[in-house]
């Protein structure tokens, strides 16, 4: 058995595209470049992680696949299948959605497929149109999983779709306000008061990106009343929890696309499917483990990695570091990477047999579109990884590095515009050792994130359960 540390770099893909505009080639990353000699590239998008072919991966899907050790049919695919089979009405009937005269759909108006999809909203409107008298839409603008300033396109699309139906667009707000997950309650409160208030306004597009659009009520009659039904149509939970929790304080008729939290007193349309015999569950039967991340990615390295299980497994310790409370992370490119590194080193010194940690900054700073800040975030990450590796060597740990999806390696699109969304690039998988190497030298493969857990289990000398269909990568890396 080899004590093992798994570090998941969030949003760190690899490409040689546009080298002069690629942070991986601009930033000084001596440790990661050196270790790439030991590394391979693996899939983290599309059907390789249970998504639609050619769809970019994301943090939730990436961590779930890493922990599951198999390809899981993701929520977006489950919903798509139900819609394609014309069975959505059955789910709505069972949830008793049609029993109220007024319903408000709240969610991210986007085709990014990370948190929501506009096709799901259209399907919901279609089924409710002849069954519910008043339908209102409260649009959340994206600009992160889509082009930074593309909201008008989606707004026009849904506006045209609503013609000939009883649905009306009632409000707009940027995801910065309505989809906060870092306990910035003032943002959620501003969004909530707008949706339940009576002050009309106009959309302000004079912001740098769509996610910062200020909350504005477009239709006074579309204000959400306490007796109305409210349906949150995002299928991803982490950025919906705070706004739903706020509505729960004063509203009772609340529906959600998926289970956002087991303790929420709401009606979910789809039940969450837990993943049995995931990595953490298997390890828990024999060894102690510790999961470490900062606030922004804590759910990923716990709930999602653990197969949609909220409660820690036996012998599982969790360490959370607070993310900086700033309006935009480009002002703090280091985020809490150093503090996370300190937590990892402490657990190494404690001889915890298995440690898994997420480094959030490559993804979160990549999303800002700030090139220099992204380079700085990567450089700090490289420094911390180097220090952690030194500690691993002192304490006889095997250090494994991978990523959940791509992002920071592509900061510009094909037209030269700023790119802030995830990519479909492969991600690294590295088992660290003392090597000499000056430039990137990954070996390309056809393996994927589902092969990570079997590799970790082999390092820990634990038997791979039959439920895991992935393959250990140790032989490939020798």
Foldseek 3Di string as FASTA:
>chain_A
DFQAEEEAEAFAFDDCPPLVQFLQNVFDQFQVQQQLVLKAWEFQDDQQQQHHHPQFHHLLSLLLLLFQLARDNDPVNVLVVCVVVVNLLVLCVVLVVLVAQEEEEEEELDCLPPFFHVVSVLSVQVSNQVRHNAYEYAYEYECFSDPFQCRVVSVVVVCVSCVVTRYDYFKYAALLQCQDQQPPVVSLVQQLCQLQDQDADDWDSPDPGRNHTGIGTHHRVRRDDQAYAYEYETPAQRRNVSNLVVNQVRHQRYEYCEPNDPPDNYHHSYYQDFRPPTLQQLCLVPFAEEEEEERVCQCSSACSNRRNDDDHGHNYHYYYHYWDPDSACLVVLLTCLLVSLVVLLVVLVVVGSYYYYYRHRLQRNLLVLDSVSNSVNSNSNSVSVVVSVVSCVVSRHWYKYKYNFHGSRDQADPVRHGHNHTRRGTMMIGTDDDGDGRGNDHHYDHHHSSQNSQQVCVSVVGDRDPSNPHHHCPVVSD
